[in-house]
Protein backbone atom coordinates (compact mmCIF):
# COMPACT_ATOMS: atom_id res chain seq x y z
CA MET A 1 35.11 -29.00 81.38
CA ALA A 2 35.44 -25.95 79.23
CA SER A 3 38.37 -27.50 77.42
CA SER A 4 36.37 -30.65 76.67
CA LEU A 5 33.57 -28.61 75.21
CA MET A 6 35.95 -26.67 73.02
CA ALA A 7 37.52 -29.89 71.78
CA GLU A 8 34.27 -31.17 70.34
CA PRO A 9 33.92 -30.58 66.58
CA PRO A 10 31.13 -28.30 65.39
CA LEU A 11 27.76 -29.90 64.86
CA THR A 12 27.67 -28.90 61.22
CA GLU A 13 30.86 -30.81 60.47
CA ASN A 14 29.44 -34.02 61.97
CA ILE A 15 26.32 -33.69 59.85
CA SER A 16 28.26 -33.05 56.66
CA GLU A 17 30.52 -36.05 57.27
CA THR A 18 27.79 -38.56 58.15
CA THR A 19 25.00 -37.39 55.84
CA PRO A 20 26.38 -36.07 52.54
CA VAL A 21 24.08 -33.77 50.64
CA ARG A 22 22.61 -35.44 47.55
CA GLU A 23 22.89 -33.43 44.37
CA PHE A 24 19.69 -32.37 42.67
CA GLU A 25 18.79 -34.44 39.63
CA LEU A 26 16.33 -33.80 36.81
CA ALA A 27 14.70 -37.11 37.71
CA ASP A 28 13.41 -35.42 40.89
CA LEU A 29 11.21 -33.29 38.65
CA ALA A 30 10.21 -36.25 36.50
CA GLN A 31 8.94 -38.48 39.31
CA PRO A 32 5.74 -36.52 40.17
CA LEU A 33 4.88 -36.25 36.47
CA HIS A 34 5.60 -39.94 36.03
CA ASP A 35 3.07 -40.83 38.75
CA TRP A 36 0.09 -38.83 37.53
CA VAL A 37 0.66 -39.35 33.79
CA LYS A 38 0.18 -43.11 34.23
CA PHE A 39 -3.40 -42.52 35.34
CA ALA A 40 -4.48 -39.16 33.93
CA GLY A 41 -2.76 -39.39 30.54
CA PRO A 42 -4.84 -42.13 28.88
CA ALA A 43 -8.11 -40.86 30.40
CA PHE A 44 -7.36 -37.31 29.29
CA ALA A 45 -6.43 -38.45 25.78
CA ILE A 46 -9.59 -40.52 25.31
CA ALA A 47 -11.75 -37.66 26.56
CA LEU A 48 -9.99 -35.20 24.26
CA LEU A 49 -10.40 -37.52 21.28
CA ALA A 50 -14.13 -37.91 21.94
CA ALA A 51 -14.59 -34.17 22.43
CA THR A 52 -12.72 -33.36 19.22
CA ALA A 53 -14.77 -35.84 17.21
CA TRP A 54 -17.99 -34.45 18.69
CA ILE A 55 -17.14 -30.81 18.02
CA VAL A 56 -15.83 -31.30 14.49
CA GLY A 57 -18.29 -33.94 13.41
CA ARG A 58 -21.19 -32.71 15.58
CA GLY A 59 -21.54 -36.19 16.97
CA ASP A 60 -21.91 -37.79 13.55
CA LEU A 61 -18.82 -39.74 12.45
CA TYR A 62 -20.43 -41.51 9.52
CA GLN A 63 -19.00 -39.01 7.07
CA LEU A 64 -15.46 -39.65 8.29
CA THR A 65 -15.77 -43.41 8.59
CA GLY A 66 -17.04 -43.51 5.04
CA LEU A 67 -13.66 -42.15 3.88
CA VAL A 68 -11.64 -44.95 5.50
CA PRO A 69 -10.06 -47.13 2.79
CA ARG A 70 -11.07 -50.78 2.97
CA HIS A 71 -7.78 -52.39 1.96
CA PRO A 72 -5.38 -53.43 4.77
CA ALA A 73 -2.43 -51.51 3.29
CA PHE A 74 -3.88 -48.31 4.77
CA TRP A 75 -3.72 -49.75 8.29
CA GLY A 76 -0.22 -51.01 7.62
CA LEU A 77 0.82 -47.44 6.79
CA ILE A 78 -0.80 -46.25 10.04
CA ALA A 79 1.15 -48.82 12.07
CA LEU A 80 4.40 -48.04 10.28
CA TYR A 81 3.96 -44.30 10.81
CA LEU A 82 3.46 -44.82 14.55
CA ALA A 83 6.46 -47.16 14.83
CA ILE A 84 9.02 -45.02 13.01
CA PRO A 85 9.77 -42.42 15.78
CA PRO A 86 10.42 -44.87 18.65
CA LEU A 87 12.36 -47.28 16.43
CA CYS A 88 14.61 -44.47 15.19
CA ASP A 89 15.11 -43.33 18.79
CA PHE A 90 16.10 -46.89 19.65
CA VAL A 91 18.70 -46.92 16.85
CA ILE A 92 20.18 -43.71 18.27
CA PHE A 93 20.27 -44.70 21.93
CA ARG A 94 21.45 -48.19 21.04
CA ARG A 95 24.61 -46.58 19.68
CA LEU A 96 24.98 -44.08 22.53
CA TRP A 97 24.15 -46.34 25.49
CA GLN A 98 23.97 -49.90 24.16
CA LEU A 99 20.29 -49.66 25.11
CA PRO A 100 18.71 -53.10 25.60
CA ALA A 101 15.65 -54.21 23.66
CA THR A 102 13.49 -53.56 26.72
CA GLY A 103 14.03 -49.86 26.10
CA ILE A 104 11.75 -49.94 23.04
CA ALA A 105 8.67 -49.88 25.29
CA ALA A 106 10.03 -46.84 27.13
CA LEU A 107 10.63 -45.09 23.80
CA PHE A 108 7.08 -45.86 22.63
CA ARG A 109 5.84 -44.38 25.92
CA LYS A 110 8.08 -41.34 25.39
CA ASN A 111 6.61 -40.61 21.96
CA ALA A 112 3.05 -41.30 23.15
CA SER A 113 3.46 -38.77 25.97
CA ASN A 114 4.78 -36.16 23.55
CA GLU A 115 1.84 -36.66 21.18
CA ILE A 116 -0.95 -37.02 23.75
CA LEU A 117 0.13 -34.53 26.40
CA LEU A 118 2.96 -32.02 25.95
CA GLY A 119 6.05 -32.01 23.81
CA TYR A 120 9.25 -32.94 25.66
CA LEU A 121 7.31 -34.43 28.57
CA GLY A 122 8.25 -37.77 27.06
CA GLU A 123 11.93 -36.83 27.25
CA VAL A 124 11.55 -36.20 30.99
CA GLN A 125 9.89 -39.59 31.43
CA PHE A 126 12.53 -41.36 29.36
CA TYR A 127 15.30 -39.66 31.33
CA ALA A 128 13.81 -40.95 34.58
CA TRP A 129 13.47 -44.45 33.08
CA ALA A 130 17.07 -44.43 31.82
CA ARG A 131 18.45 -43.57 35.25
CA GLN A 132 16.70 -46.60 36.71
CA HIS A 133 17.08 -49.22 34.00
CA ALA A 134 19.93 -48.38 31.62
CA ARG A 135 23.52 -49.30 32.49
CA LEU A 136 25.26 -45.96 32.20
CA ASN A 137 28.61 -44.66 33.33
CA ALA A 138 27.34 -41.07 33.54
CA SER A 139 24.10 -39.15 33.84
CA PRO A 140 21.91 -39.60 30.73
CA PHE A 141 20.79 -35.96 30.80
CA GLY A 142 23.38 -34.83 28.25
CA ALA A 143 22.49 -37.49 25.69
CA VAL A 144 18.72 -36.99 26.04
CA LYS A 145 19.18 -33.22 25.72
CA ASP A 146 21.44 -33.46 22.68
CA VAL A 147 19.19 -35.95 20.88
CA ALA A 148 16.20 -33.64 21.42
CA ILE A 149 18.14 -30.58 20.20
CA LEU A 150 19.44 -32.37 17.11
CA SER A 151 15.93 -33.60 16.37
CA ALA A 152 14.65 -30.02 16.50
CA MET A 153 17.51 -28.80 14.31
CA THR A 154 16.85 -31.48 11.71
CA GLY A 155 13.13 -30.77 11.78
CA ASN A 156 13.79 -27.06 11.33
CA ALA A 157 15.95 -27.69 8.27
CA VAL A 158 13.38 -29.98 6.66
CA THR A 159 10.58 -27.53 7.46
CA LEU A 160 12.41 -24.64 5.82
CA LEU A 161 13.12 -26.78 2.75
CA LEU A 162 9.46 -27.79 2.47
CA LEU A 163 8.32 -24.19 2.87
CA CYS A 164 10.67 -23.12 0.08
CA MET A 165 9.32 -25.88 -2.17
CA ALA A 166 5.70 -25.07 -1.33
CA TRP A 167 6.01 -21.28 -1.42
CA PRO A 168 5.10 -20.94 -5.15
CA PHE A 169 1.75 -22.59 -4.37
CA VAL A 170 1.05 -20.27 -1.44
CA GLY A 171 0.17 -17.50 -3.88
CA SER A 172 -2.87 -19.48 -5.01
CA LEU A 173 -4.27 -19.44 -1.47
CA ALA A 174 -6.12 -16.60 0.18
CA LEU A 175 -3.93 -16.58 3.29
CA GLY A 176 -4.52 -12.93 4.10
CA LYS A 177 -3.41 -12.20 7.67
CA ALA A 178 -1.88 -15.68 8.00
CA THR A 179 1.18 -14.64 5.96
CA GLY A 180 2.59 -12.72 8.93
CA PRO A 181 2.53 -15.67 11.36
CA VAL A 182 4.10 -17.89 8.70
CA LEU A 183 6.97 -15.45 8.23
CA TRP A 184 7.42 -15.10 11.99
CA SER A 185 7.53 -18.88 12.29
CA VAL A 186 10.25 -19.01 9.64
CA ALA A 187 12.20 -16.34 11.53
CA VAL A 188 11.96 -18.33 14.76
CA LEU A 189 13.16 -21.49 13.01
CA LEU A 190 16.11 -19.66 11.48
CA GLY A 191 16.96 -17.88 14.73
CA SER A 192 16.91 -20.99 16.91
CA SER A 193 18.95 -22.96 14.39
CA LEU A 194 21.48 -20.13 14.15
CA VAL A 195 21.90 -19.98 17.94
CA VAL A 196 22.54 -23.73 18.20
CA GLY A 197 24.91 -23.59 15.24
CA LEU A 198 26.99 -20.77 16.74
CA PHE A 199 27.17 -22.21 20.26
CA ARG A 200 27.09 -25.93 19.44
CA ASN A 201 30.34 -26.62 21.30
CA ARG A 202 28.83 -25.24 24.51
CA ILE A 203 25.31 -26.61 24.04
CA LEU A 204 26.02 -30.13 22.78
CA SER A 205 27.95 -32.68 24.80
CA LEU A 206 28.03 -35.55 22.28
CA GLY A 207 31.05 -36.12 20.09
CA ARG A 208 31.13 -35.02 16.47
CA ALA A 209 30.61 -38.56 15.12
CA ASP A 210 27.65 -39.20 17.42
CA CYS A 211 26.10 -35.85 16.49
CA TRP A 212 26.31 -36.60 12.77
CA TYR A 213 24.97 -40.11 13.30
CA THR A 214 22.05 -38.82 15.37
CA THR A 215 21.28 -36.12 12.80
CA ALA A 216 21.31 -38.66 9.97
CA VAL A 217 18.85 -40.92 11.80
CA HIS A 218 16.59 -37.95 12.56
CA LEU A 219 16.70 -36.94 8.89
CA VAL A 220 15.69 -40.42 7.76
CA ARG A 221 12.89 -40.49 10.34
CA THR A 222 11.58 -37.08 9.27
CA ILE A 223 11.58 -37.92 5.56
CA LEU A 224 9.91 -41.29 6.14
CA SER A 225 7.24 -39.71 8.33
CA ILE A 226 6.46 -37.03 5.73
CA VAL A 227 6.28 -39.56 2.89
CA LEU A 228 4.05 -41.92 4.89
CA LEU A 229 1.76 -39.08 5.92
CA ALA A 230 1.39 -37.96 2.31
CA LEU A 231 0.66 -41.56 1.30
CA LEU A 232 -2.03 -41.80 3.97
CA TRP A 233 -3.68 -38.62 2.72
CA HIS A 234 -3.36 -39.77 -0.89
CA THR A 235 -4.88 -43.16 -0.03
CA VAL A 236 -7.94 -41.46 1.45
CA LEU A 237 -8.36 -38.93 -1.38
CA PRO A 238 -6.32 -39.93 -4.44
CA ALA A 239 -7.96 -37.31 -6.66
CA ILE A 240 -6.32 -34.29 -4.99
CA ALA A 241 -3.38 -32.71 -6.81
CA PRO A 242 0.09 -33.44 -5.35
CA GLN A 243 0.89 -29.75 -4.71
CA TRP A 244 -1.82 -29.62 -2.05
CA TRP A 245 -0.23 -32.52 -0.21
CA LEU A 246 3.14 -30.76 -0.48
CA LEU A 247 1.70 -27.59 1.01
CA MET A 248 -0.02 -29.47 3.81
CA ALA A 249 3.12 -31.51 4.51
CA ALA A 250 4.98 -28.23 5.00
CA GLY A 251 2.24 -27.02 7.34
CA ARG A 252 2.21 -30.28 9.28
CA GLN A 253 5.99 -30.22 9.64
CA LEU A 254 5.76 -26.62 10.86
CA MET A 255 3.26 -27.78 13.50
CA THR A 256 5.74 -30.32 14.81
CA ARG A 257 8.20 -27.53 15.60
CA LEU A 258 5.82 -26.13 18.26
CA PRO A 259 7.12 -27.99 21.34
CA PHE A 260 4.28 -27.36 23.81
CA LEU A 261 1.41 -28.16 21.47
CA PRO A 262 -0.19 -31.56 22.18
CA ASN A 263 -2.14 -33.57 19.62
CA LYS A 264 -0.37 -32.01 16.65
CA ASP A 265 -2.27 -34.09 14.10
CA LEU A 266 -5.64 -32.94 15.41
CA ALA A 267 -4.47 -29.35 15.68
CA PHE A 268 -3.21 -29.53 12.11
CA ALA A 269 -6.66 -30.64 10.97
CA GLY A 270 -7.90 -27.18 11.88
CA LEU A 271 -5.05 -25.57 9.96
CA ALA A 272 -5.74 -27.79 6.95
CA THR A 273 -9.35 -26.63 6.99
CA PHE A 274 -8.08 -23.08 6.72
CA LEU A 275 -5.49 -23.83 4.02
CA THR A 276 -7.63 -26.07 1.81
CA GLY A 277 -11.06 -24.63 2.34
CA GLY A 278 -11.61 -24.59 -1.42
CA VAL A 279 -10.56 -28.21 -1.97
CA PRO A 280 -13.51 -30.58 -1.45
CA GLY A 281 -12.76 -33.42 0.94
CA ALA A 282 -9.23 -32.35 1.90
CA PRO A 283 -10.06 -31.16 5.45
CA SER A 284 -12.03 -34.36 6.10
CA ALA A 285 -9.14 -36.51 4.87
CA VAL A 286 -6.65 -34.69 7.09
CA LEU A 287 -9.00 -34.92 10.06
CA LEU A 288 -9.56 -38.63 9.48
CA VAL A 289 -5.85 -39.44 9.29
CA GLY A 290 -5.08 -37.20 12.27
CA THR A 291 -7.83 -38.79 14.35
CA LEU A 292 -6.66 -42.32 13.54
CA LEU A 293 -3.04 -41.48 14.35
CA PHE A 294 -4.02 -39.82 17.60
CA ALA A 295 -6.21 -42.80 18.49
CA GLY A 296 -3.20 -45.03 17.83
CA TRP A 297 -1.05 -43.04 20.25
CA VAL A 298 -3.86 -43.17 22.81
CA ALA A 299 -4.03 -46.96 22.50
CA ILE A 300 -0.24 -47.28 22.79
CA GLY A 301 -0.05 -44.96 25.79
CA ALA A 302 -2.94 -46.65 27.58
CA ALA A 303 -1.57 -50.16 26.96
CA LEU A 304 1.90 -49.23 28.23
CA ALA A 305 0.47 -47.42 31.26
CA LEU A 306 -1.67 -50.42 32.21
CA SER A 307 1.26 -52.79 31.67
CA GLU A 308 3.52 -50.69 33.87
CA LEU A 309 0.84 -50.49 36.55
CA ALA A 310 0.41 -54.27 36.51
CA GLN A 311 4.16 -54.82 36.76
CA SER A 312 4.45 -52.43 39.71
CA ARG A 313 1.74 -54.36 41.56
CA LEU A 314 3.52 -57.65 40.93
CA ILE A 315 6.76 -56.21 42.29
CA ARG A 316 5.02 -55.01 45.45
CA ARG A 317 3.65 -58.49 46.06
């Protein structure tokens, strides 16, 4: 009997052979966020939008609504501005993954989550979606990571260029203690870009051609977004000198480099109030455009969340 007991394999070996251990995936972290964002995200965004309008406008939005241009071209610019980021993402992932057209909705949801909630939360959601819906030969983590890093690198380069162009006009502003944070922000942009540049072979997994292609698309997206934003401001207040829009474009682009700051357009409205306190109407114009853009992302996020919820109920039936 003792020999029969000794002949039996250890219990741990049987377990390892019959039930292999599943490797941890980033999607395991994304799933809990994916569940609560569907419900809390749109409600939180609408509440935040209402609170911001109440605090800034003291409950009276007539002054802002009076600045809204009446011609439809303004609303066309709003729609185009909101569509540029997800469409450019689609161009990138179409090349990398042969992403189907159904992925456009996931990319709109990705950008809405980044704008409404926290930066890079949309990347986590899109990664989880890609694992379930995209036909991939490998894990999509590397591509999502590299696209986000290259986007940040491109944004850093454009931000530094805009700051150099706008720096002569900074002397006309009474920035005071704000000069220090601006310089520290420039140092952070340079430092992060330098680190990625030195260790790009270890950090990035995409090939050289794909990296250059992704960077080019990000550059086009960034330039188009800046130009459209300046056109929106100019449409609201055409009398303001162009150098003020250049300075505010640099400040807005600098805001986009803060990854964990939600509602960047509304947050920038406060910065614009500080930068252009002596320019009549400029803070109101920036606040109006920022509020409309944020409201657009809220509408997109809410519509996609409700659509996804309805589809999940149909599948369960």
